[in-house]
Amino acid sequence: MKTITDIKTELLSNKKISDLVFILWAGGAALLSYSLVYALRKPFTAASFDGLDAFGLDYKVLVTIVQILGYLIAKFVGIKLISELKKEHRMKFILASILVAELSLVLFGLLPAPYNIFAMFFNGLSLGCMWGVIFSFIEGRRTTDILASLLVSVLSSAPAWQNPSGCSL
């Protein structure tokens, strides 16, 4: 017959295994989601813009700056937007952001230079809030700190060609 101590020990052991499985599942899902979003951020870098200049800057540099300005504005807008986003609307927000980002890339390809630069601004604007929305699925849990550490460490230690932050360690 099991004692209360044995049952308590078994339950705690099962809880730790359950937490570990959740951390791996939720962390992996969040990491995969953010990695897939990254695919909508940088495909224009594969293109060649040899000899193209606009406003006195190299065209690729200017496109990158404009996209980063979209991210920057989205970060500030996202502080308010994501904090008020109801959980039943998170997936709609993600899908709408993905749609706008993809349409922006299509417009970037269709519009002539330098008018297509503005498409990259909307690409950055639509994707700038994605980390916050994806993270909102895992925050407020018992394991949020571990999940956040896992995501940040994996993203920051990825090779520079994969790393959304663009820096390598």
N, C-alpha and C. Protein backbone atom coordinates (compact mmCIF):
# COMPACT_ATOMS: atom_id res chain seq x y z
N MET A 1 0.84 -1.18 0.00
CA MET A 1 0.00 0.00 0.00
C MET A 1 0.89 1.24 0.00
N LYS A 2 0.50 2.21 -0.81
CA LYS A 2 1.29 3.44 -0.93
C LYS A 2 0.96 4.37 0.22
N THR A 3 2.00 5.01 0.70
CA THR A 3 1.80 6.02 1.74
C THR A 3 1.50 7.36 1.09
N ILE A 4 1.08 8.29 1.89
CA ILE A 4 0.78 9.64 1.39
C ILE A 4 2.05 10.27 0.83
N THR A 5 3.17 10.02 1.45
CA THR A 5 4.44 10.56 0.97
C THR A 5 4.79 10.00 -0.40
N ASP A 6 4.55 8.69 -0.60
CA ASP A 6 4.82 8.07 -1.90
C ASP A 6 3.93 8.68 -3.00
N ILE A 7 2.67 8.86 -2.67
CA ILE A 7 1.73 9.43 -3.64
C ILE A 7 2.12 10.87 -3.96
N LYS A 8 2.49 11.63 -2.94
CA LYS A 8 2.91 13.02 -3.14
C LYS A 8 4.15 13.10 -4.01
N THR A 9 5.13 12.24 -3.76
CA THR A 9 6.36 12.20 -4.55
C THR A 9 6.06 11.84 -6.00
N GLU A 10 5.16 10.86 -6.20
CA GLU A 10 4.79 10.45 -7.55
C GLU A 10 4.09 11.57 -8.30
N LEU A 11 3.18 12.28 -7.63
CA LEU A 11 2.48 13.39 -8.25
C LEU A 11 3.44 14.52 -8.64
N LEU A 12 4.38 14.83 -7.75
CA LEU A 12 5.35 15.88 -8.05
C LEU A 12 6.23 15.47 -9.22
N SER A 13 6.60 14.21 -9.29
CA SER A 13 7.41 13.72 -10.40
C SER A 13 6.64 13.83 -11.71
N ASN A 14 5.35 13.44 -11.69
CA ASN A 14 4.51 13.56 -12.89
C ASN A 14 4.34 15.02 -13.30
N LYS A 15 4.24 15.91 -12.32
CA LYS A 15 4.08 17.34 -12.59
C LYS A 15 5.32 17.89 -13.28
N LYS A 16 6.51 17.47 -12.82
CA LYS A 16 7.75 17.93 -13.45
C LYS A 16 7.85 17.43 -14.88
N ILE A 17 7.47 16.18 -15.12
CA ILE A 17 7.48 15.64 -16.47
C ILE A 17 6.47 16.39 -17.33
N SER A 18 5.30 16.66 -16.78
CA SER A 18 4.28 17.41 -17.50
C SER A 18 4.77 18.82 -17.85
N ASP A 19 5.43 19.49 -16.91
CA ASP A 19 5.99 20.82 -17.17
C ASP A 19 7.05 20.75 -18.26
N LEU A 20 7.90 19.75 -18.22
CA LEU A 20 8.95 19.60 -19.22
C LEU A 20 8.35 19.39 -20.61
N VAL A 21 7.35 18.52 -20.69
CA VAL A 21 6.70 18.28 -21.98
C VAL A 21 6.06 19.57 -22.49
N PHE A 22 5.40 20.32 -21.60
CA PHE A 22 4.78 21.58 -22.00
C PHE A 22 5.83 22.58 -22.48
N ILE A 23 6.94 22.68 -21.77
CA ILE A 23 8.00 23.61 -22.15
C ILE A 23 8.52 23.27 -23.54
N LEU A 24 8.77 22.00 -23.79
CA LEU A 24 9.27 21.59 -25.10
C LEU A 24 8.23 21.82 -26.19
N TRP A 25 6.98 21.49 -25.91
CA TRP A 25 5.92 21.66 -26.91
C TRP A 25 5.64 23.14 -27.19
N ALA A 26 5.37 23.91 -26.14
CA ALA A 26 5.03 25.32 -26.32
C ALA A 26 6.23 26.12 -26.83
N GLY A 27 7.40 25.84 -26.29
CA GLY A 27 8.61 26.53 -26.75
C GLY A 27 8.91 26.22 -28.21
N GLY A 28 8.77 24.96 -28.57
CA GLY A 28 8.99 24.56 -29.96
C GLY A 28 7.98 25.18 -30.90
N ALA A 29 6.72 25.23 -30.48
CA ALA A 29 5.67 25.84 -31.31
C ALA A 29 5.92 27.33 -31.49
N ALA A 30 6.29 28.02 -30.42
CA ALA A 30 6.55 29.46 -30.51
C ALA A 30 7.78 29.73 -31.37
N LEU A 31 8.82 28.92 -31.20
CA LEU A 31 10.03 29.09 -31.99
C LEU A 31 9.76 28.83 -33.47
N LEU A 32 9.02 27.79 -33.77
CA LEU A 32 8.68 27.50 -35.16
C LEU A 32 7.82 28.62 -35.75
N SER A 33 6.86 29.10 -34.98
CA SER A 33 5.99 30.19 -35.46
C SER A 33 6.81 31.43 -35.79
N TYR A 34 7.71 31.80 -34.88
CA TYR A 34 8.51 32.99 -35.11
C TYR A 34 9.48 32.78 -36.27
N SER A 35 10.00 31.58 -36.42
CA SER A 35 10.90 31.29 -37.54
C SER A 35 10.16 31.39 -38.87
N LEU A 36 8.91 30.94 -38.90
CA LEU A 36 8.13 31.04 -40.13
C LEU A 36 7.80 32.50 -40.46
N VAL A 37 7.58 33.31 -39.43
CA VAL A 37 7.37 34.74 -39.65
C VAL A 37 8.63 35.36 -40.25
N TYR A 38 9.77 34.91 -39.80
CA TYR A 38 11.04 35.43 -40.30
C TYR A 38 11.17 35.23 -41.81
N ALA A 39 10.57 34.18 -42.31
CA ALA A 39 10.62 33.93 -43.76
C ALA A 39 9.91 35.04 -44.55
N LEU A 40 9.01 35.75 -43.91
CA LEU A 40 8.31 36.86 -44.58
C LEU A 40 9.06 38.18 -44.42
N ARG A 41 10.14 38.17 -43.65
CA ARG A 41 10.87 39.41 -43.38
C ARG A 41 12.00 39.67 -44.37
N LYS A 42 12.73 38.66 -44.74
CA LYS A 42 13.99 38.90 -45.44
C LYS A 42 14.13 38.32 -46.84
N PRO A 43 13.08 37.93 -47.53
CA PRO A 43 13.32 37.36 -48.85
C PRO A 43 13.89 38.36 -49.86
N PHE A 44 13.66 39.65 -49.65
CA PHE A 44 14.18 40.64 -50.59
C PHE A 44 15.70 40.71 -50.56
N THR A 45 16.32 40.22 -49.50
CA THR A 45 17.79 40.28 -49.42
C THR A 45 18.45 39.33 -50.42
N ALA A 46 17.70 38.38 -50.95
CA ALA A 46 18.26 37.47 -51.95
C ALA A 46 18.35 38.13 -53.33
N ALA A 47 17.61 39.21 -53.52
CA ALA A 47 17.60 39.90 -54.81
C ALA A 47 18.86 40.74 -54.98
N SER A 48 19.18 41.02 -56.19
CA SER A 48 20.34 41.86 -56.51
C SER A 48 19.84 43.25 -56.93
N PHE A 49 20.43 44.26 -56.34
CA PHE A 49 20.05 45.64 -56.66
C PHE A 49 21.28 46.40 -57.15
N ASP A 50 22.10 45.74 -57.95
CA ASP A 50 23.34 46.34 -58.43
C ASP A 50 23.06 47.63 -59.20
N GLY A 51 23.74 48.67 -58.81
CA GLY A 51 23.65 49.94 -59.50
C GLY A 51 22.42 50.76 -59.16
N LEU A 52 21.56 50.27 -58.31
CA LEU A 52 20.36 51.02 -57.94
C LEU A 52 20.64 51.90 -56.72
N ASP A 53 20.32 53.16 -56.86
CA ASP A 53 20.42 54.11 -55.75
C ASP A 53 19.10 54.86 -55.67
N ALA A 54 18.79 55.30 -54.48
CA ALA A 54 17.60 56.15 -54.30
C ALA A 54 17.88 57.10 -53.15
N PHE A 55 17.57 58.34 -53.34
CA PHE A 55 17.77 59.37 -52.32
C PHE A 55 19.20 59.40 -51.81
N GLY A 56 20.15 59.10 -52.68
CA GLY A 56 21.56 59.15 -52.34
C GLY A 56 22.07 57.95 -51.55
N LEU A 57 21.28 56.91 -51.42
CA LEU A 57 21.69 55.71 -50.69
C LEU A 57 21.63 54.49 -51.58
N ASP A 58 22.43 53.48 -51.24
CA ASP A 58 22.33 52.20 -51.90
C ASP A 58 20.90 51.68 -51.72
N TYR A 59 20.33 51.14 -52.78
CA TYR A 59 18.92 50.76 -52.75
C TYR A 59 18.60 49.71 -51.69
N LYS A 60 19.45 48.71 -51.57
CA LYS A 60 19.21 47.64 -50.60
C LYS A 60 19.28 48.19 -49.17
N VAL A 61 20.21 49.10 -48.93
CA VAL A 61 20.33 49.72 -47.60
C VAL A 61 19.08 50.53 -47.31
N LEU A 62 18.60 51.28 -48.29
CA LEU A 62 17.41 52.10 -48.09
C LEU A 62 16.17 51.24 -47.83
N VAL A 63 16.03 50.15 -48.58
CA VAL A 63 14.90 49.25 -48.37
C VAL A 63 14.94 48.67 -46.95
N THR A 64 16.12 48.29 -46.51
CA THR A 64 16.28 47.75 -45.16
C THR A 64 15.94 48.80 -44.10
N ILE A 65 16.39 50.03 -44.29
CA ILE A 65 16.09 51.11 -43.34
C ILE A 65 14.59 51.36 -43.26
N VAL A 66 13.93 51.40 -44.41
CA VAL A 66 12.49 51.65 -44.43
C VAL A 66 11.73 50.51 -43.75
N GLN A 67 12.16 49.28 -43.98
CA GLN A 67 11.52 48.14 -43.33
C GLN A 67 11.72 48.21 -41.81
N ILE A 68 12.91 48.58 -41.38
CA ILE A 68 13.19 48.70 -39.94
C ILE A 68 12.36 49.82 -39.32
N LEU A 69 12.15 50.91 -40.05
CA LEU A 69 11.26 51.97 -39.56
C LEU A 69 9.84 51.44 -39.35
N GLY A 70 9.39 50.57 -40.25
CA GLY A 70 8.08 49.92 -40.06
C GLY A 70 8.06 49.08 -38.80
N TYR A 71 9.14 48.31 -38.57
CA TYR A 71 9.24 47.52 -37.33
C TYR A 71 9.20 48.43 -36.12
N LEU A 72 9.95 49.51 -36.16
CA LEU A 72 10.05 50.42 -35.03
C LEU A 72 8.68 51.01 -34.67
N ILE A 73 7.98 51.48 -35.66
CA ILE A 73 6.65 52.04 -35.40
C ILE A 73 5.71 50.95 -34.88
N ALA A 74 5.81 49.76 -35.44
CA ALA A 74 4.97 48.64 -35.00
C ALA A 74 5.24 48.27 -33.54
N LYS A 75 6.48 48.38 -33.10
CA LYS A 75 6.81 48.06 -31.70
C LYS A 75 6.06 49.00 -30.75
N PHE A 76 6.02 50.28 -31.09
CA PHE A 76 5.32 51.24 -30.23
C PHE A 76 3.80 51.06 -30.31
N VAL A 77 3.30 50.84 -31.50
CA VAL A 77 1.87 50.59 -31.67
C VAL A 77 1.49 49.28 -30.97
N GLY A 78 2.37 48.30 -31.07
CA GLY A 78 2.12 46.99 -30.48
C GLY A 78 2.00 47.00 -28.97
N ILE A 79 2.67 47.94 -28.31
CA ILE A 79 2.57 48.02 -26.85
C ILE A 79 1.10 48.16 -26.46
N LYS A 80 0.41 49.04 -27.13
CA LYS A 80 -1.02 49.26 -26.84
C LYS A 80 -1.87 48.15 -27.45
N LEU A 81 -1.61 47.84 -28.69
CA LEU A 81 -2.45 46.91 -29.43
C LEU A 81 -2.43 45.50 -28.82
N ILE A 82 -1.25 44.97 -28.57
CA ILE A 82 -1.13 43.61 -28.06
C ILE A 82 -1.64 43.51 -26.62
N SER A 83 -1.41 44.55 -25.82
CA SER A 83 -1.89 44.49 -24.44
C SER A 83 -3.42 44.47 -24.37
N GLU A 84 -4.08 45.00 -25.38
CA GLU A 84 -5.54 45.01 -25.40
C GLU A 84 -6.14 43.92 -26.29
N LEU A 85 -5.29 43.13 -26.94
CA LEU A 85 -5.77 42.09 -27.85
C LEU A 85 -6.34 40.92 -27.05
N LYS A 86 -7.59 40.62 -27.30
CA LYS A 86 -8.23 39.49 -26.62
C LYS A 86 -7.70 38.19 -27.21
N LYS A 87 -7.65 37.16 -26.36
CA LYS A 87 -7.03 35.92 -26.82
C LYS A 87 -7.77 35.28 -27.99
N GLU A 88 -9.06 35.50 -28.12
CA GLU A 88 -9.78 34.92 -29.25
C GLU A 88 -9.48 35.63 -30.57
N HIS A 89 -8.80 36.79 -30.51
CA HIS A 89 -8.46 37.53 -31.72
C HIS A 89 -6.98 37.40 -32.10
N ARG A 90 -6.20 36.69 -31.30
CA ARG A 90 -4.75 36.57 -31.58
C ARG A 90 -4.49 35.92 -32.93
N MET A 91 -5.16 34.82 -33.19
CA MET A 91 -4.91 34.11 -34.45
C MET A 91 -5.34 34.94 -35.65
N LYS A 92 -6.44 35.66 -35.53
CA LYS A 92 -6.88 36.55 -36.62
C LYS A 92 -5.83 37.63 -36.86
N PHE A 93 -5.27 38.16 -35.78
CA PHE A 93 -4.23 39.18 -35.90
C PHE A 93 -3.00 38.62 -36.61
N ILE A 94 -2.60 37.42 -36.23
CA ILE A 94 -1.43 36.79 -36.86
C ILE A 94 -1.69 36.56 -38.35
N LEU A 95 -2.85 36.01 -38.67
CA LEU A 95 -3.16 35.74 -40.09
C LEU A 95 -3.27 37.02 -40.91
N ALA A 96 -3.86 38.06 -40.33
CA ALA A 96 -3.95 39.35 -41.04
C ALA A 96 -2.56 39.94 -41.24
N SER A 97 -1.70 39.84 -40.25
CA SER A 97 -0.33 40.35 -40.38
C SER A 97 0.44 39.59 -41.45
N ILE A 98 0.26 38.29 -41.48
CA ILE A 98 0.94 37.47 -42.50
C ILE A 98 0.43 37.85 -43.89
N LEU A 99 -0.87 38.05 -44.02
CA LEU A 99 -1.44 38.43 -45.31
C LEU A 99 -0.91 39.78 -45.78
N VAL A 100 -0.87 40.76 -44.89
CA VAL A 100 -0.34 42.09 -45.25
C VAL A 100 1.14 41.99 -45.61
N ALA A 101 1.90 41.21 -44.83
CA ALA A 101 3.33 41.05 -45.12
C ALA A 101 3.56 40.40 -46.48
N GLU A 102 2.79 39.39 -46.80
CA GLU A 102 2.95 38.71 -48.09
C GLU A 102 2.53 39.62 -49.23
N LEU A 103 1.42 40.32 -49.07
CA LEU A 103 0.98 41.27 -50.11
C LEU A 103 2.02 42.38 -50.30
N SER A 104 2.65 42.79 -49.22
CA SER A 104 3.70 43.80 -49.32
C SER A 104 4.88 43.29 -50.15
N LEU A 105 5.23 42.03 -49.95
CA LEU A 105 6.33 41.46 -50.73
C LEU A 105 5.94 41.35 -52.21
N VAL A 106 4.69 40.99 -52.49
CA VAL A 106 4.22 40.92 -53.87
C VAL A 106 4.27 42.31 -54.51
N LEU A 107 3.79 43.32 -53.78
CA LEU A 107 3.85 44.69 -54.29
C LEU A 107 5.29 45.16 -54.49
N PHE A 108 6.17 44.75 -53.58
CA PHE A 108 7.58 45.11 -53.74
C PHE A 108 8.12 44.57 -55.06
N GLY A 109 7.70 43.39 -55.42
CA GLY A 109 8.14 42.80 -56.68
C GLY A 109 7.47 43.40 -57.90
N LEU A 110 6.24 43.84 -57.76
CA LEU A 110 5.49 44.35 -58.91
C LEU A 110 5.74 45.83 -59.20
N LEU A 111 5.90 46.63 -58.15
CA LEU A 111 6.07 48.07 -58.34
C LEU A 111 7.50 48.40 -58.78
N PRO A 112 7.65 49.41 -59.59
CA PRO A 112 9.00 49.79 -60.01
C PRO A 112 9.72 50.53 -58.87
N ALA A 113 11.04 50.44 -58.91
CA ALA A 113 11.85 51.20 -57.94
C ALA A 113 11.74 52.68 -58.27
N PRO A 114 11.73 53.55 -57.37
CA PRO A 114 11.84 53.47 -55.91
C PRO A 114 10.49 53.39 -55.21
N TYR A 115 9.38 53.26 -55.97
CA TYR A 115 8.05 53.26 -55.36
C TYR A 115 7.79 52.01 -54.53
N ASN A 116 8.51 50.93 -54.85
CA ASN A 116 8.30 49.69 -54.11
C ASN A 116 8.90 49.72 -52.70
N ILE A 117 9.67 50.74 -52.40
CA ILE A 117 10.23 50.87 -51.05
C ILE A 117 9.12 50.95 -50.01
N PHE A 118 8.04 51.63 -50.35
CA PHE A 118 6.94 51.79 -49.39
C PHE A 118 6.27 50.47 -49.05
N ALA A 119 6.32 49.52 -49.97
CA ALA A 119 5.78 48.19 -49.68
C ALA A 119 6.55 47.54 -48.54
N MET A 120 7.85 47.78 -48.48
CA MET A 120 8.66 47.19 -47.40
C MET A 120 8.36 47.85 -46.06
N PHE A 121 7.94 49.11 -46.09
CA PHE A 121 7.52 49.75 -44.84
C PHE A 121 6.32 49.01 -44.26
N PHE A 122 5.35 48.68 -45.11
CA PHE A 122 4.17 47.96 -44.64
C PHE A 122 4.49 46.52 -44.25
N ASN A 123 5.50 45.94 -44.89
CA ASN A 123 5.96 44.63 -44.48
C ASN A 123 6.49 44.69 -43.05
N GLY A 124 7.33 45.67 -42.77
CA GLY A 124 7.86 45.83 -41.41
C GLY A 124 6.78 46.17 -40.41
N LEU A 125 5.86 47.02 -40.81
CA LEU A 125 4.76 47.42 -39.93
C LEU A 125 3.89 46.22 -39.55
N SER A 126 3.61 45.36 -40.52
CA SER A 126 2.74 44.22 -40.24
C SER A 126 3.44 43.14 -39.42
N LEU A 127 4.75 43.00 -39.56
CA LEU A 127 5.46 41.94 -38.84
C LEU A 127 6.09 42.40 -37.53
N GLY A 128 6.10 43.69 -37.27
CA GLY A 128 6.75 44.21 -36.08
C GLY A 128 6.14 43.77 -34.77
N CYS A 129 4.89 43.41 -34.78
CA CYS A 129 4.19 43.00 -33.55
C CYS A 129 4.17 41.49 -33.36
N MET A 130 4.71 40.75 -34.29
CA MET A 130 4.55 39.29 -34.24
C MET A 130 5.18 38.64 -33.01
N TRP A 131 6.36 39.10 -32.58
CA TRP A 131 6.96 38.51 -31.38
C TRP A 131 6.01 38.66 -30.19
N GLY A 132 5.44 39.85 -30.04
CA GLY A 132 4.54 40.09 -28.91
C GLY A 132 3.30 39.22 -28.95
N VAL A 133 2.73 39.04 -30.12
CA VAL A 133 1.53 38.22 -30.23
C VAL A 133 1.87 36.74 -29.99
N ILE A 134 2.95 36.27 -30.57
CA ILE A 134 3.35 34.88 -30.36
C ILE A 134 3.68 34.64 -28.89
N PHE A 135 4.39 35.58 -28.29
CA PHE A 135 4.75 35.44 -26.88
C PHE A 135 3.52 35.51 -25.98
N SER A 136 2.48 36.22 -26.40
CA SER A 136 1.26 36.32 -25.58
C SER A 136 0.59 34.96 -25.39
N PHE A 137 0.85 34.01 -26.28
CA PHE A 137 0.30 32.67 -26.12
C PHE A 137 0.95 31.93 -24.95
N ILE A 138 2.19 32.27 -24.62
CA ILE A 138 2.89 31.51 -23.58
C ILE A 138 3.11 32.30 -22.29
N GLU A 139 2.84 33.60 -22.30
CA GLU A 139 3.08 34.36 -21.08
C GLU A 139 1.99 34.12 -20.05
N GLY A 140 2.32 34.38 -18.79
CA GLY A 140 1.36 34.21 -17.70
C GLY A 140 1.24 32.78 -17.22
N ARG A 141 2.15 31.95 -17.62
CA ARG A 141 2.14 30.54 -17.19
C ARG A 141 3.24 30.33 -16.15
N ARG A 142 3.14 29.23 -15.49
CA ARG A 142 4.13 28.88 -14.46
C ARG A 142 5.53 28.77 -15.08
N THR A 143 5.58 28.41 -16.32
CA THR A 143 6.86 28.16 -16.99
C THR A 143 7.28 29.25 -17.96
N THR A 144 6.67 30.42 -17.88
CA THR A 144 6.95 31.51 -18.83
C THR A 144 8.42 31.90 -18.83
N ASP A 145 9.04 32.00 -17.66
CA ASP A 145 10.45 32.40 -17.60
C ASP A 145 11.34 31.41 -18.34
N ILE A 146 11.09 30.14 -18.15
CA ILE A 146 11.89 29.12 -18.84
C ILE A 146 11.65 29.18 -20.34
N LEU A 147 10.36 29.33 -20.73
CA LEU A 147 10.04 29.41 -22.16
C LEU A 147 10.69 30.63 -22.80
N ALA A 148 10.63 31.77 -22.13
CA ALA A 148 11.24 32.98 -22.68
C ALA A 148 12.74 32.82 -22.81
N SER A 149 13.36 32.24 -21.80
CA SER A 149 14.81 32.02 -21.85
C SER A 149 15.18 31.10 -23.00
N LEU A 150 14.40 30.06 -23.17
CA LEU A 150 14.64 29.11 -24.27
C LEU A 150 14.55 29.81 -25.62
N LEU A 151 13.49 30.59 -25.83
CA LEU A 151 13.30 31.26 -27.11
C LEU A 151 14.40 32.27 -27.39
N VAL A 152 14.70 33.09 -26.41
CA VAL A 152 15.72 34.13 -26.60
C VAL A 152 17.09 33.51 -26.83
N SER A 153 17.41 32.47 -26.08
CA SER A 153 18.74 31.86 -26.25
C SER A 153 18.87 31.19 -27.61
N VAL A 154 17.83 30.52 -28.08
CA VAL A 154 17.89 29.87 -29.39
C VAL A 154 17.96 30.91 -30.50
N LEU A 155 17.12 31.95 -30.40
CA LEU A 155 17.11 32.97 -31.46
C LEU A 155 18.41 33.76 -31.49
N SER A 156 18.98 34.06 -30.34
CA SER A 156 20.20 34.87 -30.33
C SER A 156 21.45 34.05 -30.62
N SER A 157 21.38 32.73 -30.50
CA SER A 157 22.56 31.93 -30.79
C SER A 157 22.52 31.31 -32.18
N ALA A 158 21.47 31.58 -32.94
CA ALA A 158 21.38 31.07 -34.31
C ALA A 158 22.43 31.76 -35.17
N PRO A 159 22.86 31.11 -36.23
CA PRO A 159 23.80 31.78 -37.14
C PRO A 159 23.21 33.08 -37.67
N ALA A 160 24.05 34.02 -38.00
CA ALA A 160 23.61 35.35 -38.42
C ALA A 160 22.66 35.29 -39.61
N TRP A 161 22.80 34.31 -40.50
CA TRP A 161 21.92 34.23 -41.66
C TRP A 161 20.52 33.76 -41.28
N GLN A 162 20.35 33.18 -40.09
CA GLN A 162 19.04 32.75 -39.63
C GLN A 162 18.48 33.67 -38.57
N ASN A 163 19.34 34.41 -37.92
CA ASN A 163 18.99 35.16 -36.73
C ASN A 163 18.21 36.42 -37.08
N PRO A 164 16.97 36.55 -36.55
CA PRO A 164 16.18 37.74 -36.84
C PRO A 164 16.82 39.03 -36.34
N SER A 165 17.62 38.96 -35.28
CA SER A 165 18.25 40.18 -34.77
C SER A 165 19.45 40.59 -35.62
N GLY A 166 19.95 39.65 -36.43
CA GLY A 166 21.06 39.98 -37.33
C GLY A 166 22.42 39.97 -36.68
N CYS A 167 22.49 39.66 -35.39
CA CYS A 167 23.80 39.65 -34.74
C CYS A 167 24.18 38.23 -34.38
N SER A 168 25.46 37.99 -34.33
CA SER A 168 25.92 36.66 -33.92
C SER A 168 26.76 36.82 -32.66
N LEU A 169 26.83 35.75 -31.92
CA LEU A 169 27.57 35.80 -30.65
C LEU A 169 29.00 35.37 -30.82
